Amino acid sequence: MKTNEYRIMSEAVERGVTMGWHDGWKYMDLPEDVRMILYRHEDYIKEQLERCVMNEITSYFELHTGVV
């Protein structure tokens, strides 16, 4: 059985972005209207962060997909 390195890394990045997103708001004192705008676009913002991080990782490492 081959390890799907890309999937493992992608899932780790996704979990890290989600944890960082939620932890990042703990001590922020933002006006409610700004907070609502950010929450409305949460999925898009997180997807872009994940995409950019994975692009950087794959520019340095060749991650195998587990397919022979």
Protein backbone atom coordinates (compact mmCIF):
# COMPACT_ATOMS: atom_id res chain seq x y z
CA MET A 1 0.00 0.00 0.00
CA LYS A 2 1.36 3.42 -0.97
CA THR A 3 0.93 6.53 1.12
CA ASN A 4 -0.92 9.44 -0.47
CA GLU A 5 1.44 12.16 0.75
CA TYR A 6 -0.44 14.95 -1.04
CA ARG A 7 -3.72 14.03 0.65
CA ILE A 8 -2.10 13.80 4.09
CA MET A 9 -0.42 17.18 3.67
CA SER A 10 -3.57 18.75 2.26
CA GLU A 11 -5.70 17.53 5.17
CA ALA A 12 -3.11 18.77 7.69
CA VAL A 13 -3.07 22.20 6.03
CA GLU A 14 -6.88 22.31 6.01
CA ARG A 15 -7.08 21.44 9.73
CA GLY A 16 -4.37 23.96 10.56
CA VAL A 17 -6.12 26.75 8.65
CA THR A 18 -9.42 25.95 10.37
CA MET A 19 -7.82 25.92 13.83
CA GLY A 20 -5.96 29.14 13.08
CA TRP A 21 -9.14 30.79 11.78
CA HIS A 22 -11.04 30.01 14.97
CA ASP A 23 -8.15 30.76 17.34
CA GLY A 24 -7.38 34.01 15.53
CA TRP A 25 -10.66 35.57 16.64
CA LYS A 26 -10.22 34.93 20.36
CA TYR A 27 -8.53 38.21 21.17
CA MET A 28 -9.67 40.36 18.25
CA ASP A 29 -11.79 43.36 19.08
CA LEU A 30 -13.46 43.93 15.73
CA PRO A 31 -16.69 45.82 15.12
CA GLU A 32 -19.64 43.47 14.64
CA ASP A 33 -20.19 44.53 11.00
CA VAL A 34 -16.57 43.68 10.09
CA ARG A 35 -16.82 40.35 11.91
CA MET A 36 -20.01 39.49 9.98
CA ILE A 37 -18.38 40.31 6.63
CA LEU A 38 -15.43 38.04 7.44
CA TYR A 39 -17.68 35.21 8.62
CA ARG A 40 -19.76 35.52 5.46
CA HIS A 41 -16.61 34.91 3.40
CA GLU A 42 -14.99 32.38 5.76
CA ASP A 43 -15.07 29.44 3.34
CA TYR A 44 -13.56 31.45 0.48
CA ILE A 45 -10.81 32.92 2.67
CA LYS A 46 -9.88 29.51 4.10
CA GLU A 47 -9.86 27.90 0.65
CA GLN A 48 -7.49 30.56 -0.66
CA LEU A 49 -5.17 30.16 2.34
CA GLU A 50 -5.12 26.37 1.87
CA ARG A 51 -4.46 26.71 -1.88
CA CYS A 52 -1.60 29.16 -1.39
CA VAL A 53 0.03 27.07 1.35
CA MET A 54 -0.23 23.88 -0.73
CA ASN A 55 1.23 25.71 -3.75
CA GLU A 56 4.21 26.76 -1.67
CA ILE A 57 4.71 23.26 -0.22
CA THR A 58 4.52 21.59 -3.63
CA SER A 59 7.01 24.07 -5.06
CA TYR A 60 9.60 22.63 -2.63
CA PHE A 61 8.49 18.99 -2.30
CA GLU A 62 7.27 16.35 -4.71
CA LEU A 63 4.32 14.81 -2.89
CA HIS A 64 3.22 11.38 -4.08
CA THR A 65 -0.47 10.67 -4.56
CA GLY A 66 -0.20 6.96 -3.80
CA VAL A 67 -1.05 5.99 -7.38
CA VAL A 68 1.39 3.55 -8.93
